[in-house]
Amino acid sequence: MREIRLQTSAAENSEFIVKVHVWGQAGTSRLFMVMDFCSGGDMRQHIAKSVGITDAELRLKWARQVISGLRDLHRMGYSHLDLKP
């Protein structure tokens, strides 16, 4: 639940972190979050579909957004420990 609270707090302080609207627990072992819908799928789907990111402008735009989100997390005193390519 600590991660959900962090996500909620971080989204309030950064436009680059997805907002959590509601979270809760279903039964004894399942947590859920209702988050903003990000249309177009995730970055992994785009990379897999096109065998990499060939558009240099898109690559730069996405890199800036990821770095901006990480910067905002660091300013709040948090580190993301599970980044994946």
Protein backbone atom coordinates (compact mmCIF):
# COMPACT_ATOMS: atom_id res chain seq x y z
CA MET A 1 0.00 0.00 0.00
CA ARG A 2 3.00 2.27 0.46
CA GLU A 3 3.56 2.24 -3.31
CA ILE A 4 -0.05 3.27 -3.95
CA ARG A 5 0.28 6.23 -1.58
CA LEU A 6 3.55 7.22 -3.25
CA GLN A 7 1.94 6.97 -6.71
CA THR A 8 -0.97 9.14 -5.58
CA SER A 9 1.32 11.76 -4.05
CA ALA A 10 3.73 11.76 -6.99
CA ALA A 11 0.95 12.19 -9.56
CA GLU A 12 -0.28 15.27 -7.72
CA ASN A 13 3.18 16.82 -8.10
CA SER A 14 4.10 15.85 -11.66
CA GLU A 15 2.36 15.94 -15.01
CA PHE A 16 4.57 13.01 -16.09
CA ILE A 17 3.24 10.52 -13.53
CA VAL A 18 -0.14 8.86 -14.06
CA LYS A 19 -2.80 9.94 -11.58
CA VAL A 20 -4.45 7.43 -9.24
CA HIS A 21 -8.11 8.32 -8.70
CA VAL A 22 -9.18 5.53 -6.35
CA TRP A 23 -7.49 2.53 -4.77
CA GLY A 24 -8.66 -0.20 -2.50
CA GLN A 25 -8.57 -3.84 -1.56
CA ALA A 26 -10.72 -6.64 -2.94
CA GLY A 27 -10.85 -9.60 -0.60
CA THR A 28 -7.84 -10.37 1.55
CA SER A 29 -5.06 -10.38 -1.03
CA ARG A 30 -5.87 -8.16 -4.02
CA LEU A 31 -5.21 -4.46 -4.30
CA PHE A 32 -6.56 -2.35 -7.15
CA MET A 33 -6.00 1.14 -8.53
CA VAL A 34 -8.18 3.21 -10.84
CA MET A 35 -5.77 5.37 -12.84
CA ASP A 36 -5.96 7.78 -15.77
CA PHE A 37 -6.40 6.04 -19.12
CA CYS A 38 -3.36 6.50 -21.35
CA SER A 39 -4.55 5.93 -24.91
CA GLY A 40 -2.36 4.26 -27.48
CA GLY A 41 -0.95 1.46 -25.32
CA ASP A 42 2.31 1.48 -23.45
CA MET A 43 5.85 2.15 -24.63
CA ARG A 44 6.76 -1.54 -24.68
CA GLN A 45 3.90 -2.28 -27.10
CA HIS A 46 5.04 0.50 -29.45
CA ILE A 47 8.64 -0.66 -29.40
CA ALA A 48 7.71 -4.32 -29.98
CA LYS A 49 5.26 -3.49 -32.78
CA SER A 50 7.74 -1.43 -34.80
CA VAL A 51 10.92 -3.32 -33.81
CA GLY A 52 12.37 -0.33 -31.98
CA ILE A 53 11.64 3.37 -32.21
CA THR A 54 12.80 4.56 -35.61
CA ASP A 55 11.41 8.12 -35.42
CA ALA A 56 14.16 10.23 -33.80
CA GLU A 57 11.74 12.99 -32.71
CA LEU A 58 9.44 10.47 -31.01
CA ARG A 59 12.41 8.82 -29.32
CA LEU A 60 13.56 12.18 -27.96
CA LYS A 61 10.04 13.15 -26.85
CA TRP A 62 9.56 9.91 -24.91
CA ALA A 63 13.04 10.12 -23.37
CA ARG A 64 12.32 13.66 -22.15
CA GLN A 65 9.01 12.58 -20.62
CA VAL A 66 10.58 9.63 -18.78
CA ILE A 67 13.47 11.77 -17.54
CA SER A 68 11.07 14.52 -16.43
CA GLY A 69 9.02 12.02 -14.42
CA LEU A 70 12.18 10.65 -12.79
CA ARG A 71 13.39 14.17 -12.04
CA ASP A 72 10.09 14.95 -10.34
CA LEU A 73 10.31 11.75 -8.27
CA HIS A 74 13.86 12.61 -7.21
CA ARG A 75 12.79 16.11 -6.19
CA MET A 76 10.21 14.49 -3.91
CA GLY A 77 12.97 12.39 -2.35
CA TYR A 78 12.13 9.06 -4.08
CA SER A 79 14.07 6.81 -6.43
CA HIS A 80 12.53 4.43 -8.95
CA LEU A 81 14.28 1.07 -8.49
CA ASP A 82 12.60 -0.94 -11.24
CA LEU A 83 13.28 0.80 -14.56
CA LYS A 84 13.21 -1.40 -17.64
CA PRO A 85 14.26 -0.66 -21.22
